[in-house]
Amino acid sequence: TMQPSSWHGVTTVVFGNCGVGFAPVHDTDHERLVQLMEGVEDIPGTALHEGLAWNWNSLPEYL
């Protein structure tokens, strides 16, 4: 099995530098973004669902 990134010294994750980000986003697109990140970045959907509050729509709200 794979070990958590933090076990290898990773302390920060930068989202969006690959061209895929979580803002702006419509309420109806949450699942689409989760599936995209599962495929592109190999981040488990369960982790995204548990870790994201989805309390934004615009980039300023996200920041």
PDB file of N, CA and C in Angstrom:
ATOM      1  N   THR A   1       0.839  -1.196   0.000  1.00  0.00           N
ATOM      2  CA  THR A   1       0.000   0.000   0.000  1.00  0.00           C
ATOM      3  C   THR A   1       0.874   1.245   0.000  1.00  0.00           C
ATOM      4  N   MET A   2       0.284   2.343  -0.397  1.00  0.00           N
ATOM      5  CA  MET A   2       1.004   3.614  -0.419  1.00  0.00           C
ATOM      6  C   MET A   2       0.933   4.280   0.947  1.00  0.00           C
ATOM      7  N   GLN A   3       1.997   4.955   1.308  1.00  0.00           N
ATOM      8  CA  GLN A   3       2.054   5.677   2.573  1.00  0.00           C
ATOM      9  C   GLN A   3       1.615   7.127   2.354  1.00  0.00           C
ATOM     10  N   PRO A   4       1.085   7.780   3.391  1.00  0.00           N
ATOM     11  CA  PRO A   4       0.700   9.191   3.275  1.00  0.00           C
ATOM     12  C   PRO A   4       1.889  10.057   2.871  1.00  0.00           C
ATOM     13  N   SER A   5       1.630  11.076   2.088  1.00  0.00           N
ATOM     14  CA  SER A   5       2.696  11.977   1.630  1.00  0.00           C
ATOM     15  C   SER A   5       3.451  12.600   2.789  1.00  0.00           C
ATOM     16  N   SER A   6       2.750  12.867   3.894  1.00  0.00           N
ATOM     17  CA  SER A   6       3.407  13.512   5.037  1.00  0.00           C
ATOM     18  C   SER A   6       4.519  12.637   5.619  1.00  0.00           C
ATOM     19  N   TRP A   7       4.444  11.340   5.424  1.00  0.00           N
ATOM     20  CA  TRP A   7       5.499  10.441   5.896  1.00  0.00           C
ATOM     21  C   TRP A   7       6.792  10.642   5.108  1.00  0.00           C
ATOM     22  N   HIS A   8       6.675  11.286   3.955  1.00  0.00           N
ATOM     23  CA  HIS A   8       7.832  11.507   3.091  1.00  0.00           C
ATOM     24  C   HIS A   8       8.285  12.960   3.122  1.00  0.00           C
ATOM     25  N   GLY A   9       7.776  13.743   4.088  1.00  0.00           N
ATOM     26  CA  GLY A   9       8.200  15.131   4.235  1.00  0.00           C
ATOM     27  C   GLY A   9       7.333  16.146   3.527  1.00  0.00           C
ATOM     28  N   VAL A  10       6.289  15.717   2.844  1.00  0.00           N
ATOM     29  CA  VAL A  10       5.401  16.650   2.155  1.00  0.00           C
ATOM     30  C   VAL A  10       4.501  17.315   3.192  1.00  0.00           C
ATOM     31  N   THR A  11       4.545  18.648   3.247  1.00  0.00           N
ATOM     32  CA  THR A  11       3.729  19.373   4.219  1.00  0.00           C
ATOM     33  C   THR A  11       2.711  20.293   3.564  1.00  0.00           C
ATOM     34  N   THR A  12       2.796  20.473   2.256  1.00  0.00           N
ATOM     35  CA  THR A  12       1.909  21.395   1.553  1.00  0.00           C
ATOM     36  C   THR A  12       1.487  20.789   0.223  1.00  0.00           C
ATOM     37  N   VAL A  13       0.228  21.000  -0.128  1.00  0.00           N
ATOM     38  CA  VAL A  13      -0.278  20.586  -1.431  1.00  0.00           C
ATOM     39  C   VAL A  13      -0.804  21.828  -2.129  1.00  0.00           C
ATOM     40  N   VAL A  14      -0.356  22.075  -3.350  1.00  0.00           N
ATOM     41  CA  VAL A  14      -0.798  23.226  -4.124  1.00  0.00           C
ATOM     42  C   VAL A  14      -1.785  22.742  -5.167  1.00  0.00           C
ATOM     43  N   PHE A  15      -3.024  23.208  -5.060  1.00  0.00           N
ATOM     44  CA  PHE A  15      -4.037  22.855  -6.048  1.00  0.00           C
ATOM     45  C   PHE A  15      -4.091  23.926  -7.119  1.00  0.00           C
ATOM     46  N   GLY A  16      -4.355  23.539  -8.331  1.00  0.00           N
ATOM     47  CA  GLY A  16      -4.586  24.484  -9.407  1.00  0.00           C
ATOM     48  C   GLY A  16      -3.396  24.716 -10.307  1.00  0.00           C
ATOM     49  N   ASN A  17      -2.184  24.346  -9.897  1.00  0.00           N
ATOM     50  CA  ASN A  17      -1.033  24.599 -10.754  1.00  0.00           C
ATOM     51  C   ASN A  17      -1.010  23.686 -11.979  1.00  0.00           C
ATOM     52  N   CYS A  18      -1.856  22.669 -11.991  1.00  0.00           N
ATOM     53  CA  CYS A  18      -1.954  21.772 -13.142  1.00  0.00           C
ATOM     54  C   CYS A  18      -3.063  22.225 -14.092  1.00  0.00           C
ATOM     55  N   GLY A  19      -3.755  23.309 -13.731  1.00  0.00           N
ATOM     56  CA  GLY A  19      -4.862  23.789 -14.541  1.00  0.00           C
ATOM     57  C   GLY A  19      -6.212  23.332 -14.040  1.00  0.00           C
ATOM     58  N   VAL A  20      -6.227  22.477 -13.020  1.00  0.00           N
ATOM     59  CA  VAL A  20      -7.478  22.004 -12.435  1.00  0.00           C
ATOM     60  C   VAL A  20      -7.570  22.578 -11.031  1.00  0.00           C
ATOM     61  N   GLY A  21      -8.649  23.278 -10.746  1.00  0.00           N
ATOM     62  CA  GLY A  21      -8.833  23.855  -9.419  1.00  0.00           C
ATOM     63  C   GLY A  21     -10.273  23.713  -8.965  1.00  0.00           C
ATOM     64  N   PHE A  22     -10.540  24.151  -7.766  1.00  0.00           N
ATOM     65  CA  PHE A  22     -11.865  23.998  -7.170  1.00  0.00           C
ATOM     66  C   PHE A  22     -12.660  25.297  -7.155  1.00  0.00           C
ATOM     67  N   ALA A  23     -12.201  26.317  -7.815  1.00  0.00           N
ATOM     68  CA  ALA A  23     -12.942  27.571  -7.879  1.00  0.00           C
ATOM     69  C   ALA A  23     -12.619  28.235  -9.205  1.00  0.00           C
ATOM     70  N   PRO A  24     -13.584  28.877  -9.803  1.00  0.00           N
ATOM     71  CA  PRO A  24     -14.992  28.915  -9.411  1.00  0.00           C
ATOM     72  C   PRO A  24     -15.664  27.567  -9.682  1.00  0.00           C
ATOM     73  N   VAL A  25     -16.741  27.318  -8.957  1.00  0.00           N
ATOM     74  CA  VAL A  25     -17.469  26.062  -9.126  1.00  0.00           C
ATOM     75  C   VAL A  25     -18.950  26.282  -8.839  1.00  0.00           C
ATOM     76  N   HIS A  26     -19.791  25.678  -9.673  1.00  0.00           N
ATOM     77  CA  HIS A  26     -21.235  25.679  -9.426  1.00  0.00           C
ATOM     78  C   HIS A  26     -21.565  24.525  -8.485  1.00  0.00           C
ATOM     79  N   ASP A  27     -22.624  24.689  -7.719  1.00  0.00           N
ATOM     80  CA  ASP A  27     -23.035  23.636  -6.782  1.00  0.00           C
ATOM     81  C   ASP A  27     -23.249  22.297  -7.479  1.00  0.00           C
ATOM     82  N   THR A  28     -23.676  22.333  -8.726  1.00  0.00           N
ATOM     83  CA  THR A  28     -23.970  21.097  -9.455  1.00  0.00           C
ATOM     84  C   THR A  28     -22.717  20.402  -9.993  1.00  0.00           C
ATOM     85  N   ASP A  29     -21.552  21.026  -9.862  1.00  0.00           N
ATOM     86  CA  ASP A  29     -20.319  20.466 -10.429  1.00  0.00           C
ATOM     87  C   ASP A  29     -19.377  19.835  -9.408  1.00  0.00           C
ATOM     88  N   HIS A  30     -19.775  19.750  -8.149  1.00  0.00           N
ATOM     89  CA  HIS A  30     -18.888  19.197  -7.120  1.00  0.00           C
ATOM     90  C   HIS A  30     -18.449  17.779  -7.465  1.00  0.00           C
ATOM     91  N   GLU A  31     -19.394  16.923  -7.784  1.00  0.00           N
ATOM     92  CA  GLU A  31     -19.061  15.519  -8.062  1.00  0.00           C
ATOM     93  C   GLU A  31     -18.178  15.400  -9.301  1.00  0.00           C
ATOM     94  N   ARG A  32     -18.421  16.223 -10.294  1.00  0.00           N
ATOM     95  CA  ARG A  32     -17.596  16.200 -11.505  1.00  0.00           C
ATOM     96  C   ARG A  32     -16.140  16.538 -11.172  1.00  0.00           C
ATOM     97  N   LEU A  33     -15.936  17.541 -10.316  1.00  0.00           N
ATOM     98  CA  LEU A  33     -14.572  17.900  -9.925  1.00  0.00           C
ATOM     99  C   LEU A  33     -13.904  16.806  -9.103  1.00  0.00           C
ATOM    100  N   VAL A  34     -14.662  16.176  -8.224  1.00  0.00           N
ATOM    101  CA  VAL A  34     -14.110  15.075  -7.429  1.00  0.00           C
ATOM    102  C   VAL A  34     -13.649  13.955  -8.359  1.00  0.00           C
ATOM    103  N   GLN A  35     -14.475  13.585  -9.319  1.00  0.00           N
ATOM    104  CA  GLN A  35     -14.111  12.519 -10.255  1.00  0.00           C
ATOM    105  C   GLN A  35     -12.896  12.911 -11.087  1.00  0.00           C
ATOM    106  N   LEU A  36     -12.834  14.171 -11.492  1.00  0.00           N
ATOM    107  CA  LEU A  36     -11.697  14.652 -12.271  1.00  0.00           C
ATOM    108  C   LEU A  36     -10.404  14.559 -11.459  1.00  0.00           C
ATOM    109  N   MET A  37     -10.456  14.982 -10.193  1.00  0.00           N
ATOM    110  CA  MET A  37      -9.262  14.933  -9.354  1.00  0.00           C
ATOM    111  C   MET A  37      -8.856  13.499  -9.025  1.00  0.00           C
ATOM    112  N   GLU A  38      -9.824  12.605  -8.942  1.00  0.00           N
ATOM    113  CA  GLU A  38      -9.496  11.186  -8.748  1.00  0.00           C
ATOM    114  C   GLU A  38      -8.673  10.673  -9.922  1.00  0.00           C
ATOM    115  N   GLY A  39      -9.038  11.086 -11.123  1.00  0.00           N
ATOM    116  CA  GLY A  39      -8.346  10.615 -12.318  1.00  0.00           C
ATOM    117  C   GLY A  39      -7.040  11.327 -12.593  1.00  0.00           C
ATOM    118  N   VAL A  40      -7.031  12.650 -12.460  1.00  0.00           N
ATOM    119  CA  VAL A  40      -5.857  13.449 -12.816  1.00  0.00           C
ATOM    120  C   VAL A  40      -4.782  13.387 -11.736  1.00  0.00           C
ATOM    121  N   GLU A  41      -5.182  13.546 -10.487  1.00  0.00           N
ATOM    122  CA  GLU A  41      -4.220  13.641  -9.384  1.00  0.00           C
ATOM    123  C   GLU A  41      -4.195  12.402  -8.492  1.00  0.00           C
ATOM    124  N   ASP A  42      -5.048  11.427  -8.776  1.00  0.00           N
ATOM    125  CA  ASP A  42      -5.111  10.184  -7.999  1.00  0.00           C
ATOM    126  C   ASP A  42      -5.410  10.444  -6.520  1.00  0.00           C
ATOM    127  N   ILE A  43      -6.293  11.428  -6.270  1.00  0.00           N
ATOM    128  CA  ILE A  43      -6.738  11.729  -4.909  1.00  0.00           C
ATOM    129  C   ILE A  43      -8.047  10.982  -4.687  1.00  0.00           C
ATOM    130  N   PRO A  44      -8.152  10.171  -3.654  1.00  0.00           N
ATOM    131  CA  PRO A  44      -9.387   9.414  -3.422  1.00  0.00           C
ATOM    132  C   PRO A  44     -10.593  10.334  -3.241  1.00  0.00           C
ATOM    133  N   GLY A  45     -11.681   9.986  -3.892  1.00  0.00           N
ATOM    134  CA  GLY A  45     -12.904  10.776  -3.788  1.00  0.00           C
ATOM    135  C   GLY A  45     -13.394  10.898  -2.365  1.00  0.00           C
ATOM    136  N   THR A  46     -13.226   9.850  -1.577  1.00  0.00           N
ATOM    137  CA  THR A  46     -13.675   9.912  -0.179  1.00  0.00           C
ATOM    138  C   THR A  46     -12.911  10.993   0.582  1.00  0.00           C
ATOM    139  N   ALA A  47     -11.635  11.140   0.306  1.00  0.00           N
ATOM    140  CA  ALA A  47     -10.837  12.179   0.970  1.00  0.00           C
ATOM    141  C   ALA A  47     -11.311  13.564   0.563  1.00  0.00           C
ATOM    142  N   LEU A  48     -11.638  13.732  -0.709  1.00  0.00           N
ATOM    143  CA  LEU A  48     -12.123  15.027  -1.173  1.00  0.00           C
ATOM    144  C   LEU A  48     -13.485  15.351  -0.573  1.00  0.00           C
ATOM    145  N   HIS A  49     -14.371  14.366  -0.537  1.00  0.00           N
ATOM    146  CA  HIS A  49     -15.697  14.598   0.043  1.00  0.00           C
ATOM    147  C   HIS A  49     -15.599  14.943   1.524  1.00  0.00           C
ATOM    148  N   GLU A  50     -14.703  14.281   2.242  1.00  0.00           N
ATOM    149  CA  GLU A  50     -14.545  14.538   3.675  1.00  0.00           C
ATOM    150  C   GLU A  50     -13.787  15.837   3.945  1.00  0.00           C
ATOM    151  N   GLY A  51     -12.883  16.201   3.054  1.00  0.00           N
ATOM    152  CA  GLY A  51     -12.012  17.343   3.307  1.00  0.00           C
ATOM    153  C   GLY A  51     -12.477  18.678   2.772  1.00  0.00           C
ATOM    154  N   LEU A  52     -13.421  18.670   1.846  1.00  0.00           N
ATOM    155  CA  LEU A  52     -13.884  19.923   1.250  1.00  0.00           C
ATOM    156  C   LEU A  52     -15.260  20.294   1.783  1.00  0.00           C
ATOM    157  N   ALA A  53     -15.391  21.528   2.260  1.00  0.00           N
ATOM    158  CA  ALA A  53     -16.672  22.001   2.794  1.00  0.00           C
ATOM    159  C   ALA A  53     -17.615  22.451   1.676  1.00  0.00           C
ATOM    160  N   TRP A  54     -17.065  22.782   0.505  1.00  0.00           N
ATOM    161  CA  TRP A  54     -17.851  23.276  -0.630  1.00  0.00           C
ATOM    162  C   TRP A  54     -18.727  24.462  -0.231  1.00  0.00           C
ATOM    163  N   ASN A  55     -18.187  25.372   0.567  1.00  0.00           N
ATOM    164  CA  ASN A  55     -18.952  26.545   0.983  1.00  0.00           C
ATOM    165  C   ASN A  55     -18.558  27.783   0.180  1.00  0.00           C
ATOM    166  N   TRP A  56     -18.242  27.608  -1.087  1.00  0.00           N
ATOM    167  CA  TRP A  56     -17.886  28.693  -1.984  1.00  0.00           C
ATOM    168  C   TRP A  56     -18.392  28.379  -3.383  1.00  0.00           C
ATOM    169  N   ASN A  57     -18.492  29.427  -4.190  1.00  0.00           N
ATOM    170  CA  ASN A  57     -18.759  29.298  -5.616  1.00  0.00           C
ATOM    171  C   ASN A  57     -17.718  30.070  -6.427  1.00  0.00           C
ATOM    172  N   SER A  58     -17.349  31.247  -5.936  1.00  0.00           N
ATOM    173  CA  SER A  58     -16.419  32.101  -6.668  1.00  0.00           C
ATOM    174  C   SER A  58     -14.992  31.938  -6.144  1.00  0.00           C
ATOM    175  N   LEU A  59     -14.036  32.441  -6.905  1.00  0.00           N
ATOM    176  CA  LEU A  59     -12.643  32.395  -6.467  1.00  0.00           C
ATOM    177  C   LEU A  59     -12.429  33.225  -5.201  1.00  0.00           C
ATOM    178  N   PRO A  60     -12.966  34.454  -5.099  1.00  0.00           N
ATOM    179  CA  PRO A  60     -12.798  35.207  -3.846  1.00  0.00           C
ATOM    180  C   PRO A  60     -13.382  34.479  -2.630  1.00  0.00           C
ATOM    181  N   GLU A  61     -14.508  33.808  -2.788  1.00  0.00           N
ATOM    182  CA  GLU A  61     -15.087  33.046  -1.674  1.00  0.00           C
ATOM    183  C   GLU A  61     -14.173  31.881  -1.287  1.00  0.00           C
ATOM    184  N   TYR A  62     -13.548  31.261  -2.266  1.00  0.00           N
ATOM    185  CA  TYR A  62     -12.639  30.142  -2.021  1.00  0.00           C
ATOM    186  C   TYR A  62     -11.400  30.595  -1.260  1.00  0.00           C
ATOM    187  N   LEU A  63     -10.874  31.748  -1.680  1.00  0.00           N
ATOM    188  CA  LEU A  63      -9.656  32.256  -1.043  1.00  0.00           C
ATOM    189  C   LEU A  63      -9.948  32.777   0.340  1.00  0.00           C
TER     190      LEU A  63
END
